[in-house]
C-alpha cells in the first residue's frame, strides 16, 4: 500500500518529474508551465451495437501532449480502469520518450474505458471503428499517429487504419503503426519494446562492469513486453529468468524458466500460474526477490515508497510505463539500484513505430536485420546520453533522462517562439 506521503495520480507524478528537471535546467517559468500540460485533448462518447442487439455507451480519450518536435505519436489502450489522468501521463511520457531517443515526433496517448476480455471479436471491431470515427478529425500522418498499447493488437490497428482510410476516401496506412505486415507494418515491430530494453540492459551492464550471463532475473508482467524480454534476455544476454508473473500471479524456480515452455503453458491455460516445477509468488513478492535483474513490465506504480527499500535487484529495467514513484526513485538510487527508466528502456516500441512511419511514407520496406541494427544504434546512443547526464549532474537516471528529453523539447518550443 502507498503511504500517506505518496499521491499515485499518474499525471501528478509526471508533472512532479518534469518539475524536478525544470529546476535543474532553470527553465523559464512560462516554458515550464507550458510543458506541464497537454496542448490539446479530446473526450469522446462511443455508442456501440452489441451482439445481443443492445447498444452500450463507451467513453474514450485522445491526448496530444506536445507537438513542438513533430507530429504526435502514442498508443491506444483498452482498459476497464482507464482514466484521463493516466492518458495524460502516458502522453507526457511519450513526449519525453520520443525526445530521449531523438526521433522527430511529439507525444500522445489514447484510451477507451472497456474490458476487452468481455467483448466478442465483432464488438471489439465495432468499438475500434467507432473510436476512429470520433478521433479521426485530429489524427493523421502529419498530425498524430496512434499505435497499439495495453489490450490492443495488430488486428485492432488494421481495423482502425481501414476505418480512417474509408473516412478519407484513400488508403493512408501510415496513420496507424503496429499494423500487420500485410497492411504496411514493419518487420521487427512485434518484439521492439523488449528488444530496445534488452539493448539498454546490455549497455548498462557494460558501464557497471556486470556480467549478465546467468544473471538471475525476475519479470513482472508477461504480456508482449515481458514475454519477449524473457525470450530475448535469454537469447541475447544469457539471462537466467527465475520468476515471471501476470495479472493472476507469478511463478518462481531457482533453476530457471524456459521461455518456450512457459509461453506454451500460458497459451494453453491463460496464465503462467501453475507451471509445473515452480512455486507460486505474488506480484508483490516477485519485486522483492534476491536477484540481479528486475524487469517491471506490468502497470504503473508498483514500486513505491513502502516497498522500494526491499528491492534487492542490482538493475531495474523498466519496460512498463511509470512503474516507480518519485519517492521510490530516491530510495532505489540511495540503495545503489541502477534503474533504466521507463521512457528510455521501453522506447524501442515507438522507435520502430517511427521506422514504420518512415517506410510507409516512402513505400519501401526494410528487412528485420536492418530494423534491428537501426534500433540498436538509436537505443545505444540514447542510453549513453542519459548515463552521461546522470554522471555530469550527479542525479539518478530518471532525472537524467528528463534532463536530456526536456531540454530537447524546450529547445524546439523556444525556436518556434511558443514561450
Protein backbone atom coordinates (compact mmCIF):
# COMPACT_ATOMS: atom_id res chain seq x y z
CA UNK A 1 0.00 0.00 0.00
CA UNK A 2 1.10 3.55 -0.62
CA UNK A 3 1.92 5.76 2.30
CA UNK A 4 0.06 9.00 3.01
CA UNK A 5 3.04 10.90 1.61
CA UNK A 6 2.56 9.40 -1.84
CA UNK A 7 -0.04 10.51 -4.34
CA UNK A 8 -0.37 7.91 -7.07
CA UNK A 9 -2.24 10.01 -9.61
CA UNK A 10 -0.03 9.22 -12.63
CA UNK A 11 -0.36 12.69 -14.19
CA UNK A 12 0.64 14.39 -10.93
CA UNK A 13 3.68 12.09 -10.84
CA UNK A 14 4.56 13.01 -14.43
CA UNK A 15 4.28 16.70 -13.58
CA UNK A 16 6.45 16.31 -10.47
CA UNK A 17 9.11 14.51 -12.51
CA UNK A 18 9.06 17.37 -15.03
CA UNK A 19 9.22 19.96 -12.23
CA UNK A 20 12.39 18.37 -10.88
CA UNK A 21 14.04 18.52 -14.31
CA UNK A 22 12.85 22.08 -14.95
CA UNK A 23 14.52 23.20 -11.71
CA UNK A 24 17.88 21.70 -12.72
CA UNK A 25 17.59 23.11 -16.26
CA UNK A 26 16.46 26.51 -14.87
CA UNK A 27 13.60 26.67 -17.38
CA UNK A 28 11.78 29.95 -17.92
CA UNK A 29 8.55 29.84 -15.81
CA UNK A 30 6.25 30.20 -18.84
CA UNK A 31 8.05 27.47 -20.74
CA UNK A 32 7.94 25.22 -17.67
CA UNK A 33 4.20 25.82 -17.25
CA UNK A 34 3.55 25.09 -20.94
CA UNK A 35 5.36 21.75 -20.66
CA UNK A 36 3.28 20.74 -17.61
CA UNK A 37 0.05 20.43 -19.63
CA UNK A 38 -1.26 18.78 -22.80
CA UNK A 39 -1.52 21.05 -25.84
CA UNK A 40 -4.92 19.52 -26.62
CA UNK A 41 -7.16 16.63 -25.64
CA UNK A 42 -10.39 15.13 -26.98
CA UNK A 43 -13.01 13.28 -24.92
CA UNK A 44 -15.34 11.05 -26.94
CA UNK A 45 -18.55 9.11 -26.28
CA UNK A 46 -18.93 5.93 -28.32
CA UNK A 47 -22.28 4.14 -28.89
CA UNK A 48 -21.57 0.54 -29.91
CA UNK A 49 -24.10 -2.07 -31.05
CA UNK A 50 -23.50 -5.27 -29.08
CA UNK A 51 -24.02 -8.82 -30.34
CA UNK A 52 -27.29 -9.17 -28.40
CA UNK A 53 -28.79 -6.15 -30.20
CA UNK A 54 -28.42 -3.69 -27.32
CA UNK A 55 -26.33 -0.52 -27.53
CA UNK A 56 -23.61 0.17 -24.97
CA UNK A 57 -22.02 3.57 -24.40
CA UNK A 58 -18.24 3.68 -24.03
CA UNK A 59 -16.04 6.65 -23.18
CA UNK A 60 -12.63 7.35 -24.65
CA UNK A 61 -9.85 9.93 -24.89
CA UNK A 62 -7.06 11.15 -27.15
CA UNK A 63 -4.45 13.43 -25.60
CA UNK A 64 -1.86 15.24 -27.74
CA UNK A 65 0.69 16.42 -25.21
CA UNK A 66 3.27 18.40 -27.17
CA UNK A 67 4.00 18.60 -30.90
CA UNK A 68 6.88 21.10 -30.92
CA UNK A 69 9.27 18.47 -32.33
CA UNK A 70 6.86 16.96 -34.87
CA UNK A 71 3.55 15.06 -35.22
CA UNK A 72 2.47 13.38 -32.00
CA UNK A 73 2.76 9.63 -31.53
CA UNK A 74 1.35 7.24 -28.97
CA UNK A 75 -0.63 4.10 -28.30
CA UNK A 76 -4.30 3.43 -27.63
CA UNK A 77 -5.23 1.46 -24.52
CA UNK A 78 -8.37 -0.57 -23.87
CA UNK A 79 -8.68 -0.95 -20.10
CA UNK A 80 -11.58 -1.03 -17.62
CA UNK A 81 -9.71 1.27 -15.20
CA UNK A 82 -8.60 3.80 -17.82
CA UNK A 83 -8.71 7.45 -16.69
CA UNK A 84 -7.99 10.76 -18.36
CA UNK A 85 -5.12 11.39 -15.92
CA UNK A 86 -3.50 8.08 -16.86
CA UNK A 87 -3.78 9.01 -20.54
CA UNK A 88 -2.37 12.49 -19.86
CA UNK A 89 0.59 11.00 -18.00
CA UNK A 90 1.27 8.47 -20.74
CA UNK A 91 1.09 11.24 -23.37
CA UNK A 92 3.61 13.28 -21.37
CA UNK A 93 5.93 10.27 -21.06
CA UNK A 94 5.59 9.66 -24.82
CA UNK A 95 6.73 13.25 -25.41
CA UNK A 96 9.88 12.68 -23.35
CA UNK A 97 10.33 9.19 -24.81
CA UNK A 98 10.40 10.44 -28.42
CA UNK A 99 12.80 13.21 -27.39
CA UNK A 100 15.18 10.99 -25.42
CA UNK A 101 15.70 8.67 -28.41
CA UNK A 102 15.86 11.75 -30.65
CA UNK A 103 13.13 10.95 -33.15
CA UNK A 104 11.23 13.92 -34.69
CA UNK A 105 7.88 13.29 -33.01
CA UNK A 106 5.87 14.61 -30.09
CA UNK A 107 3.87 12.60 -27.57
CA UNK A 108 0.24 11.49 -27.49
CA UNK A 109 -1.87 8.73 -25.98
CA UNK A 110 -5.38 7.36 -26.33
CA UNK A 111 -7.67 5.17 -24.30
CA UNK A 112 -11.12 3.64 -24.11
CA UNK A 113 -12.72 2.60 -20.83
CA UNK A 114 -13.71 -1.01 -21.53
CA UNK A 115 -12.85 -4.60 -20.67
CA UNK A 116 -11.78 -6.14 -23.99
CA UNK A 117 -11.78 -9.63 -22.42
CA UNK A 118 -15.57 -9.35 -22.16
CA UNK A 119 -16.09 -8.27 -25.77
CA UNK A 120 -16.53 -10.51 -28.81
CA UNK A 121 -14.39 -10.03 -31.91
CA UNK A 122 -17.29 -8.26 -33.63
CA UNK A 123 -17.87 -5.95 -30.65
CA UNK A 124 -14.15 -5.11 -30.49
CA UNK A 125 -14.17 -4.24 -34.19
CA UNK A 126 -17.23 -2.01 -33.89
CA UNK A 127 -15.75 -0.27 -30.83
CA UNK A 128 -12.43 0.31 -32.63
CA UNK A 129 -14.12 1.76 -35.70
CA UNK A 130 -16.35 3.97 -33.53
CA UNK A 131 -13.26 5.35 -31.79
CA UNK A 132 -11.60 6.27 -35.10
CA UNK A 133 -14.79 7.91 -36.38
CA UNK A 134 -14.60 10.27 -33.40
CA UNK A 135 -10.85 10.92 -33.13
CA UNK A 136 -10.22 10.77 -36.88
CA UNK A 137 -10.58 14.55 -37.14
CA UNK A 138 -7.45 15.13 -35.03
CA UNK A 139 -5.19 12.29 -36.22
CA UNK A 140 -3.26 11.83 -39.47
CA UNK A 141 0.22 11.03 -40.75
CA UNK A 142 1.27 14.66 -40.29
CA UNK A 143 -0.80 15.30 -37.13
CA UNK A 144 -0.94 12.36 -34.74
CA UNK A 145 -0.18 8.67 -35.35
CA UNK A 146 -1.70 6.11 -32.93
CA UNK A 147 -0.28 2.64 -32.17
CA UNK A 148 -1.16 -0.43 -30.08
CA UNK A 149 -0.84 -0.42 -26.30
CA UNK A 150 -2.40 -2.39 -23.43
CA UNK A 151 -5.03 -4.84 -24.78
CA UNK A 152 -4.88 -3.52 -28.35
CA UNK A 153 -3.44 -5.65 -31.14
CA UNK A 154 -2.24 -5.52 -34.76
CA UNK A 155 -5.73 -6.64 -35.81
CA UNK A 156 -7.30 -3.71 -33.94
CA UNK A 157 -4.78 -1.39 -35.62
CA UNK A 158 -5.80 -2.87 -39.01
CA UNK A 159 -9.47 -2.09 -38.36
CA UNK A 160 -8.55 1.43 -37.30
CA UNK A 161 -6.36 2.04 -40.37
CA UNK A 162 -9.17 0.73 -42.59
CA UNK A 163 -11.78 2.95 -40.93
CA UNK A 164 -9.56 6.02 -41.27
CA UNK A 165 -8.85 5.21 -44.92
CA UNK A 166 -12.59 4.84 -45.56
CA UNK A 167 -13.28 8.22 -43.92
CA UNK A 168 -10.60 9.86 -46.08
CA UNK A 169 -11.52 8.09 -49.30
CA UNK A 170 -8.00 6.79 -49.89
CA UNK A 171 -5.52 4.47 -48.20
CA UNK A 172 -3.39 6.14 -45.57
CA UNK A 173 -1.90 3.18 -43.75
CA UNK A 174 0.80 5.38 -42.20
CA UNK A 175 -1.78 6.99 -39.89
CA UNK A 176 -1.57 3.92 -37.63
CA UNK A 177 1.52 1.91 -36.66
CA UNK A 178 1.81 -1.56 -35.18
CA UNK A 179 -0.17 -2.87 -38.16
CA UNK A 180 0.13 -6.39 -39.60
CA UNK A 181 2.89 -6.73 -42.20
CA UNK A 182 0.31 -7.22 -44.97
CA UNK A 183 -1.01 -3.67 -44.35
CA UNK A 184 2.31 -1.85 -44.19
CA UNK A 185 3.56 -2.95 -40.79
CA UNK A 186 7.28 -3.01 -40.06
CA UNK A 187 9.43 -6.08 -39.67
CA UNK A 188 10.73 -6.22 -36.11
CA UNK A 189 7.79 -4.36 -34.54
CA UNK A 190 6.46 -7.30 -32.53
CA UNK A 191 9.37 -7.55 -30.10
CA UNK A 192 10.65 -3.97 -30.47
CA UNK A 193 9.75 -2.73 -26.97
CA UNK A 194 11.51 -5.62 -25.26
CA UNK A 195 14.42 -5.62 -27.72
CA UNK A 196 15.11 -1.93 -27.08
CA UNK A 197 15.09 -2.61 -23.34
CA UNK A 198 17.48 -5.54 -23.75
CA UNK A 199 19.88 -3.32 -25.72
CA UNK A 200 19.75 -0.79 -22.83
CA UNK A 201 20.33 -3.57 -20.31
CA UNK A 202 23.39 -4.72 -22.27
CA UNK A 203 24.83 -1.18 -22.23
CA UNK A 204 24.05 -0.75 -18.52
CA UNK A 205 25.96 -3.94 -17.74
CA UNK A 206 28.96 -2.53 -19.64
CA UNK A 207 29.09 0.72 -17.65
CA UNK A 208 28.57 -1.18 -14.38
CA UNK A 209 31.12 -3.89 -15.20
CA UNK A 210 28.44 -6.55 -14.68
CA UNK A 211 28.42 -9.97 -16.40
CA UNK A 212 24.81 -10.78 -17.29
CA UNK A 213 25.43 -14.40 -18.36
CA UNK A 214 23.49 -16.46 -15.86
CA UNK A 215 22.29 -13.35 -14.00
CA UNK A 216 19.12 -14.15 -12.07
CA UNK A 217 16.17 -12.20 -13.45
CA UNK A 218 12.52 -11.65 -12.48
CA UNK A 219 9.91 -10.28 -14.89
CA UNK A 220 6.69 -8.75 -13.57
CA UNK A 221 4.10 -8.80 -16.35
CA UNK A 222 4.01 -11.39 -19.13
CA UNK A 223 2.32 -9.58 -21.98
CA UNK A 224 4.12 -8.55 -25.15
CA UNK A 225 7.00 -6.70 -23.46
CA UNK A 226 7.53 -9.10 -20.56
CA UNK A 227 7.34 -12.33 -22.56
CA UNK A 228 9.69 -11.03 -25.27
CA UNK A 229 12.05 -9.78 -22.54
CA UNK A 230 12.20 -13.39 -21.31
CA UNK A 231 12.91 -14.70 -24.81
CA UNK A 232 15.43 -12.05 -25.88
CA UNK A 233 17.08 -11.70 -22.47
CA UNK A 234 17.90 -15.40 -22.60
CA UNK A 235 18.94 -15.45 -26.28
CA UNK A 236 20.93 -12.21 -26.48
CA UNK A 237 22.31 -11.75 -22.97
CA UNK A 238 22.22 -15.21 -21.39
CA UNK A 239 19.99 -14.10 -18.51
CA UNK A 240 18.63 -16.77 -16.17
CA UNK A 241 14.96 -15.95 -15.68
CA UNK A 242 13.86 -17.41 -12.35
CA UNK A 243 10.46 -15.73 -11.88
CA UNK A 244 7.69 -14.33 -14.07
CA UNK A 245 4.16 -13.15 -13.34
CA UNK A 246 0.96 -11.98 -14.98
CA UNK A 247 -2.23 -10.39 -13.68
CA UNK A 248 -3.26 -13.63 -11.93
CA UNK A 249 0.01 -14.28 -10.09
CA UNK A 250 3.57 -15.47 -10.52
CA UNK A 251 5.87 -18.48 -10.55
CA UNK A 252 9.42 -18.98 -9.23
CA UNK A 253 12.05 -21.60 -9.94
CA UNK A 254 15.66 -21.18 -8.78
CA UNK A 255 16.83 -23.45 -11.61
CA UNK A 256 15.39 -21.10 -14.24
CA UNK A 257 12.37 -20.97 -16.54
CA UNK A 258 12.42 -21.84 -20.24
CA UNK A 259 10.63 -19.25 -22.36
CA UNK A 260 9.05 -21.67 -24.85
CA UNK A 261 7.65 -23.91 -22.10
CA UNK A 262 6.24 -21.03 -20.02
CA UNK A 263 4.68 -19.40 -23.09
CA UNK A 264 3.10 -22.70 -24.19
CA UNK A 265 1.64 -23.12 -20.69
CA UNK A 266 0.26 -19.55 -20.71
CA UNK A 267 -1.30 -20.00 -24.15
CA UNK A 268 -2.92 -23.25 -23.04
CA UNK A 269 -4.18 -22.13 -19.61
CA UNK A 270 -4.40 -18.33 -19.93
CA UNK A 271 -1.82 -17.69 -17.20
CA UNK A 272 1.71 -18.53 -16.12
CA UNK A 273 0.43 -19.73 -12.74
CA UNK A 274 0.51 -23.46 -12.14
CA UNK A 275 3.52 -24.04 -14.37
CA UNK A 276 4.98 -27.44 -13.36
CA UNK A 277 8.03 -27.47 -11.09
CA UNK A 278 7.58 -23.96 -9.74
CA UNK A 279 6.36 -22.41 -6.53
CA UNK A 280 3.81 -19.60 -6.61
CA UNK A 281 4.84 -15.99 -5.86
CA UNK A 282 2.64 -12.92 -5.78
CA UNK A 283 3.36 -9.92 -7.97
CA UNK A 284 4.44 -8.07 -4.83
CA UNK A 285 6.80 -10.83 -3.70
CA UNK A 286 8.37 -11.08 -7.15
CA UNK A 287 9.61 -7.48 -6.95
CA UNK A 288 11.49 -8.22 -3.73
CA UNK A 289 13.28 -11.43 -4.76
CA UNK A 290 17.05 -11.66 -4.27
CA UNK A 291 18.01 -11.35 -7.95
CA UNK A 292 20.37 -9.40 -10.21
CA UNK A 293 17.91 -8.01 -12.76
CA UNK A 294 14.31 -6.89 -12.21
CA UNK A 295 12.12 -6.17 -15.24
CA UNK A 296 8.84 -4.41 -14.28
CA UNK A 297 6.67 -4.95 -17.36
CA UNK A 298 3.14 -4.57 -15.99
CA UNK A 299 1.32 -1.38 -14.98
CA UNK A 300 2.28 1.84 -13.20
CA UNK A 301 3.03 2.47 -9.51
CA UNK A 302 4.22 -0.97 -8.43
CA UNK A 303 7.50 0.17 -6.83
CA UNK A 304 6.53 2.74 -4.21
CA UNK A 305 7.98 4.24 -1.04
CA UNK A 306 6.61 1.38 1.06
CA UNK A 307 8.44 -1.41 -0.80
CA UNK A 308 11.38 0.34 -2.51
CA UNK A 309 13.71 -0.37 0.40
CA UNK A 310 13.10 -4.11 -0.04
CA UNK A 311 14.11 -4.20 -3.73
CA UNK A 312 17.30 -6.29 -3.87
CA UNK A 313 17.99 -6.30 -7.60
CA UNK A 314 21.14 -4.57 -8.86
CA UNK A 315 19.42 -3.43 -12.07
CA UNK A 316 15.80 -2.47 -12.76
CA UNK A 317 14.91 -2.32 -16.46
CA UNK A 318 11.52 -0.64 -16.68
CA UNK A 319 9.53 -1.94 -19.65
CA UNK A 320 6.26 -0.78 -18.04
CA UNK A 321 5.19 2.87 -18.08
CA UNK A 322 5.55 4.61 -14.71
CA UNK A 323 6.26 1.56 -12.52
CA UNK A 324 8.28 3.58 -9.97
CA UNK A 325 7.08 6.60 -7.98
CA UNK A 326 9.31 9.63 -7.31
CA UNK A 327 9.70 8.70 -3.63
CA UNK A 328 10.74 5.16 -4.59
CA UNK A 329 13.25 6.52 -7.13
CA UNK A 330 15.16 8.30 -4.38
CA UNK A 331 15.28 5.16 -2.23
CA UNK A 332 16.45 2.95 -5.09
CA UNK A 333 19.15 5.47 -6.02
CA UNK A 334 20.35 5.72 -2.42
CA UNK A 335 20.47 1.91 -2.19
CA UNK A 336 22.55 1.58 -5.36
CA UNK A 337 19.88 0.05 -7.60
CA UNK A 338 20.68 1.08 -11.18
CA UNK A 339 17.35 1.98 -12.81
CA UNK A 340 16.95 2.16 -16.59
CA UNK A 341 13.92 4.50 -16.60
CA UNK A 342 10.75 3.61 -18.45
CA UNK A 343 10.71 6.22 -21.17
CA UNK A 344 14.25 5.24 -22.16
CA UNK A 345 14.03 1.49 -21.53
CA UNK A 346 10.73 0.91 -23.35
CA UNK A 347 11.31 3.37 -26.20
CA UNK A 348 12.09 0.56 -28.65
CA UNK A 349 8.40 0.30 -29.49
CA UNK A 350 7.95 3.91 -30.53
CA UNK A 351 11.31 3.88 -32.31
CA UNK A 352 10.27 1.01 -34.57
CA UNK A 353 6.83 2.62 -34.94
CA UNK A 354 8.69 5.68 -36.23
CA UNK A 355 10.60 3.40 -38.62
CA UNK A 356 7.20 2.06 -39.75
CA UNK A 357 6.01 5.61 -40.45
CA UNK A 358 9.16 6.28 -42.49
CA UNK A 359 8.69 3.08 -44.50
CA UNK A 360 5.00 3.86 -45.11
CA UNK A 361 5.87 7.39 -46.24
CA UNK A 362 8.27 6.32 -48.96
CA UNK A 363 6.66 2.95 -49.68
CA UNK A 364 9.84 0.92 -49.31
CA UNK A 365 10.27 -1.66 -46.58
CA UNK A 366 13.32 -2.77 -44.64
CA UNK A 367 14.24 -6.30 -43.63
CA UNK A 368 14.34 -7.33 -39.99
CA UNK A 369 18.13 -7.19 -39.83
CA UNK A 370 18.12 -3.51 -40.85
CA UNK A 371 15.36 -2.69 -38.33
CA UNK A 372 17.31 -4.37 -35.52
CA UNK A 373 20.56 -2.59 -36.46
CA UNK A 374 18.92 0.84 -36.59
CA UNK A 375 17.03 0.20 -33.34
CA UNK A 376 20.27 -0.86 -31.63
CA UNK A 377 22.01 2.33 -32.82
CA UNK A 378 19.18 4.57 -31.54
CA UNK A 379 18.80 2.85 -28.15
CA UNK A 380 22.55 2.68 -27.52
CA UNK A 381 23.02 6.38 -28.26
CA UNK A 382 20.03 7.29 -26.07
CA UNK A 383 21.27 5.15 -23.17
CA UNK A 384 24.71 6.75 -23.17
CA UNK A 385 23.27 10.28 -23.42
CA UNK A 386 21.22 9.58 -20.29
CA UNK A 387 24.07 7.85 -18.43
CA UNK A 388 26.38 10.79 -19.21
CA UNK A 389 23.79 13.30 -17.96
CA UNK A 390 23.43 11.31 -14.72
CA UNK A 391 27.18 11.39 -14.17
CA UNK A 392 27.52 15.08 -15.10
CA UNK A 393 24.71 16.28 -12.81
CA UNK A 394 25.15 13.57 -10.15
CA UNK A 395 21.46 12.61 -10.29
CA UNK A 396 19.50 9.36 -10.64
CA UNK A 397 18.85 8.04 -14.14
CA UNK A 398 15.20 9.05 -14.41
CA UNK A 399 16.03 12.68 -13.70
CA UNK A 400 18.92 12.40 -16.16
CA UNK A 401 16.58 11.08 -18.85
CA UNK A 402 14.24 14.00 -18.16
CA UNK A 403 17.15 16.45 -18.44
CA UNK A 404 18.05 15.10 -21.90
CA UNK A 405 14.45 14.89 -23.15
CA UNK A 406 13.01 18.09 -21.66
CA UNK A 407 15.97 20.10 -22.89
CA UNK A 408 15.34 18.89 -26.46
CA UNK A 409 11.61 19.69 -26.32
CA UNK A 410 12.27 23.06 -24.63
CA UNK A 411 14.74 23.97 -27.38
CA UNK A 412 12.08 23.26 -30.06
CA UNK A 413 9.48 25.28 -28.14
CA UNK A 414 11.84 28.26 -27.84
CA UNK A 415 12.85 28.13 -31.51
CA UNK A 416 9.19 28.11 -32.55
CA UNK A 417 8.52 31.14 -30.36
CA UNK A 418 5.87 29.50 -28.19
CA UNK A 419 7.44 30.58 -24.90
